[in-house]
Amino acid sequence: MTLGLKRSMVELRPWSPAYPALFEQERTRVTGVLGPLVSDLQHIGSTSIPGLVAKPVLDLAVAVPDQQAMVACAQPLATLGYAFMGDPVGKGRPFLPGAATRPAPITCTC
């Protein structure tokens, strides 16, 4: 199972039964570097819905207790290839797209 898309590309594929296991692998990696900063971590987006045609990208939502914890997530996530993009839509939800080789963008919420 290959995940990820080149920047500015959209592709839809049939849902794969591999998505839940791939999410669990990424959850383990993310919670491993963030530790107690994480209140919750959920698989969101089209790959989280069995049977739905989906972009081959895992979307993760990380809940943290406050803005300070949100900022503190940036450096540990960078070690996994995520890039802190700030809050591009001004809603208090920083976005961390995965690197070209990482198939899972992260949205942080508190």
C-alpha atoms as a PDB file:
ATOM      1  CA  MET A   1       0.000   0.000   0.000  1.00  0.00           C
ATOM      2  CA  THR A   2       1.498   3.298  -1.107  1.00  0.00           C
ATOM      3  CA  LEU A   3       0.336   6.449   0.636  1.00  0.00           C
ATOM      4  CA  GLY A   4       0.967  10.100  -0.126  1.00  0.00           C
ATOM      5  CA  LEU A   5       0.574  12.511  -3.004  1.00  0.00           C
ATOM      6  CA  LYS A   6       2.856  14.972  -4.721  1.00  0.00           C
ATOM      7  CA  ARG A   7       2.118  18.562  -3.744  1.00  0.00           C
ATOM      8  CA  SER A   8      -0.756  20.126  -5.730  1.00  0.00           C
ATOM      9  CA  MET A   9      -1.969  16.722  -6.953  1.00  0.00           C
ATOM     10  CA  VAL A  10      -5.327  15.119  -6.261  1.00  0.00           C
ATOM     11  CA  GLU A  11      -5.952  11.413  -6.711  1.00  0.00           C
ATOM     12  CA  LEU A  12      -8.801   9.268  -5.436  1.00  0.00           C
ATOM     13  CA  ARG A  13      -8.523   5.541  -4.779  1.00  0.00           C
ATOM     14  CA  PRO A  14     -10.811   2.846  -3.431  1.00  0.00           C
ATOM     15  CA  TRP A  15     -10.737   2.612   0.377  1.00  0.00           C
ATOM     16  CA  SER A  16      -8.140   0.125   1.628  1.00  0.00           C
ATOM     17  CA  PRO A  17      -8.462  -2.174   4.639  1.00  0.00           C
ATOM     18  CA  ALA A  18      -4.795  -1.296   5.314  1.00  0.00           C
ATOM     19  CA  TYR A  19      -5.707   2.283   6.354  1.00  0.00           C
ATOM     20  CA  PRO A  20      -6.584   1.511  10.013  1.00  0.00           C
ATOM     21  CA  ALA A  21      -3.279  -0.316  10.598  1.00  0.00           C
ATOM     22  CA  LEU A  22      -1.315   2.444   8.871  1.00  0.00           C
ATOM     23  CA  PHE A  23      -3.046   4.981  11.103  1.00  0.00           C
ATOM     24  CA  GLU A  24      -2.137   2.972  14.217  1.00  0.00           C
ATOM     25  CA  GLN A  25       1.514   2.929  13.101  1.00  0.00           C
ATOM     26  CA  GLU A  26       1.516   6.712  12.656  1.00  0.00           C
ATOM     27  CA  ARG A  27      -0.349   7.195  15.948  1.00  0.00           C
ATOM     28  CA  THR A  28       2.395   5.230  17.718  1.00  0.00           C
ATOM     29  CA  ARG A  29       5.118   7.361  16.107  1.00  0.00           C
ATOM     30  CA  VAL A  30       3.385  10.664  16.906  1.00  0.00           C
ATOM     31  CA  THR A  31       2.439   9.823  20.492  1.00  0.00           C
ATOM     32  CA  GLY A  32       5.953   8.463  20.973  1.00  0.00           C
ATOM     33  CA  VAL A  33       7.511  11.884  20.350  1.00  0.00           C
ATOM     34  CA  LEU A  34       4.743  14.021  21.878  1.00  0.00           C
ATOM     35  CA  GLY A  35       4.102  11.968  25.017  1.00  0.00           C
ATOM     36  CA  PRO A  36       2.004  13.828  27.593  1.00  0.00           C
ATOM     37  CA  LEU A  37       1.445  16.818  25.268  1.00  0.00           C
ATOM     38  CA  VAL A  38      -1.288  14.780  23.517  1.00  0.00           C
ATOM     39  CA  SER A  39      -4.805  14.716  24.999  1.00  0.00           C
ATOM     40  CA  ASP A  40      -6.205  12.723  22.069  1.00  0.00           C
ATOM     41  CA  LEU A  41      -5.212  11.683  18.558  1.00  0.00           C
ATOM     42  CA  GLN A  42      -7.831  10.743  15.954  1.00  0.00           C
ATOM     43  CA  HIS A  43      -7.824   9.431  12.392  1.00  0.00           C
ATOM     44  CA  ILE A  44      -9.951  11.902  10.397  1.00  0.00           C
ATOM     45  CA  GLY A  45     -10.655  12.509   6.734  1.00  0.00           C
ATOM     46  CA  SER A  46     -11.640  10.201   3.900  1.00  0.00           C
ATOM     47  CA  THR A  47      -9.302   7.298   4.765  1.00  0.00           C
ATOM     48  CA  SER A  48     -10.972   7.010   8.187  1.00  0.00           C
ATOM     49  CA  ILE A  49     -14.349   6.045   6.659  1.00  0.00           C
ATOM     50  CA  PRO A  50     -14.541   2.390   5.530  1.00  0.00           C
ATOM     51  CA  GLY A  51     -15.719   2.015   1.945  1.00  0.00           C
ATOM     52  CA  LEU A  52     -15.311   5.680   0.991  1.00  0.00           C
ATOM     53  CA  VAL A  53     -13.217   6.590  -2.046  1.00  0.00           C
ATOM     54  CA  ALA A  54     -10.249   8.486  -0.602  1.00  0.00           C
ATOM     55  CA  LYS A  55      -7.114  10.461  -1.289  1.00  0.00           C
ATOM     56  CA  PRO A  56      -4.214   8.163  -0.293  1.00  0.00           C
ATOM     57  CA  VAL A  57      -3.337  10.424   2.648  1.00  0.00           C
ATOM     58  CA  LEU A  58      -3.908   9.787   6.355  1.00  0.00           C
ATOM     59  CA  ASP A  59      -5.258  12.867   8.130  1.00  0.00           C
ATOM     60  CA  LEU A  60      -4.549  13.067  11.861  1.00  0.00           C
ATOM     61  CA  ALA A  61      -6.066  15.430  14.418  1.00  0.00           C
ATOM     62  CA  VAL A  62      -4.012  15.906  17.576  1.00  0.00           C
ATOM     63  CA  ALA A  63      -5.756  17.433  20.586  1.00  0.00           C
ATOM     64  CA  VAL A  64      -3.592  19.247  23.123  1.00  0.00           C
ATOM     65  CA  PRO A  65      -4.630  20.976  26.373  1.00  0.00           C
ATOM     66  CA  ASP A  66      -3.662  24.552  25.464  1.00  0.00           C
ATOM     67  CA  GLN A  67      -1.861  26.906  23.051  1.00  0.00           C
ATOM     68  CA  GLN A  68       1.457  26.435  24.853  1.00  0.00           C
ATOM     69  CA  ALA A  69       1.318  22.672  24.292  1.00  0.00           C
ATOM     70  CA  MET A  70       0.364  23.292  20.667  1.00  0.00           C
ATOM     71  CA  VAL A  71       3.534  25.312  20.074  1.00  0.00           C
ATOM     72  CA  ALA A  72       5.589  22.731  21.982  1.00  0.00           C
ATOM     73  CA  CYS A  73       4.495  20.031  19.495  1.00  0.00           C
ATOM     74  CA  ALA A  74       6.318  21.624  16.541  1.00  0.00           C
ATOM     75  CA  GLN A  75       9.882  20.538  17.352  1.00  0.00           C
ATOM     76  CA  PRO A  76       9.148  16.903  18.299  1.00  0.00           C
ATOM     77  CA  LEU A  77       6.975  16.486  15.190  1.00  0.00           C
ATOM     78  CA  ALA A  78       9.775  17.943  13.042  1.00  0.00           C
ATOM     79  CA  THR A  79      11.885  14.921  14.021  1.00  0.00           C
ATOM     80  CA  LEU A  80       9.268  12.782  12.213  1.00  0.00           C
ATOM     81  CA  GLY A  81       9.343  14.935   9.066  1.00  0.00           C
ATOM     82  CA  TYR A  82       6.387  17.207   9.829  1.00  0.00           C
ATOM     83  CA  ALA A  83       6.725  20.935   9.076  1.00  0.00           C
ATOM     84  CA  PHE A  84       5.010  23.485  11.331  1.00  0.00           C
ATOM     85  CA  MET A  85       2.955  25.788   9.083  1.00  0.00           C
ATOM     86  CA  GLY A  86       1.415  27.928  11.803  1.00  0.00           C
ATOM     87  CA  ASP A  87      -2.295  28.674  11.680  1.00  0.00           C
ATOM     88  CA  PRO A  88      -2.994  29.216   7.965  1.00  0.00           C
ATOM     89  CA  VAL A  89      -6.727  29.896   8.343  1.00  0.00           C
ATOM     90  CA  GLY A  90      -6.664  31.867  11.606  1.00  0.00           C
ATOM     91  CA  LYS A  91      -8.852  29.443  13.545  1.00  0.00           C
ATOM     92  CA  GLY A  92      -6.336  28.424  16.224  1.00  0.00           C
ATOM     93  CA  ARG A  93      -5.517  25.157  14.454  1.00  0.00           C
ATOM     94  CA  PRO A  94      -1.896  24.908  13.347  1.00  0.00           C
ATOM     95  CA  PHE A  95      -1.279  22.637  10.390  1.00  0.00           C
ATOM     96  CA  LEU A  96       1.722  20.346   9.967  1.00  0.00           C
ATOM     97  CA  PRO A  97       1.845  18.708   6.544  1.00  0.00           C
ATOM     98  CA  GLY A  98       3.973  15.608   6.293  1.00  0.00           C
ATOM     99  CA  ALA A  99       7.160  15.776   4.264  1.00  0.00           C
ATOM    100  CA  ALA A 100       6.996  14.543   0.680  1.00  0.00           C
ATOM    101  CA  THR A 101       7.804  11.058   1.975  1.00  0.00           C
ATOM    102  CA  ARG A 102       5.333  11.204   4.897  1.00  0.00           C
ATOM    103  CA  PRO A 103       1.717  10.524   3.994  1.00  0.00           C
ATOM    104  CA  ALA A 104      -0.014  12.050   7.025  1.00  0.00           C
ATOM    105  CA  PRO A 105      -0.695  15.729   7.650  1.00  0.00           C
ATOM    106  CA  ILE A 106      -1.552  16.753  11.216  1.00  0.00           C
ATOM    107  CA  THR A 107      -3.966  19.376  12.488  1.00  0.00           C
ATOM    108  CA  CYS A 108      -3.533  20.398  16.145  1.00  0.00           C
ATOM    109  CA  THR A 109      -6.495  21.547  18.216  1.00  0.00           C
ATOM    110  CA  CYS A 110      -6.901  22.534  21.848  1.00  0.00           C
END
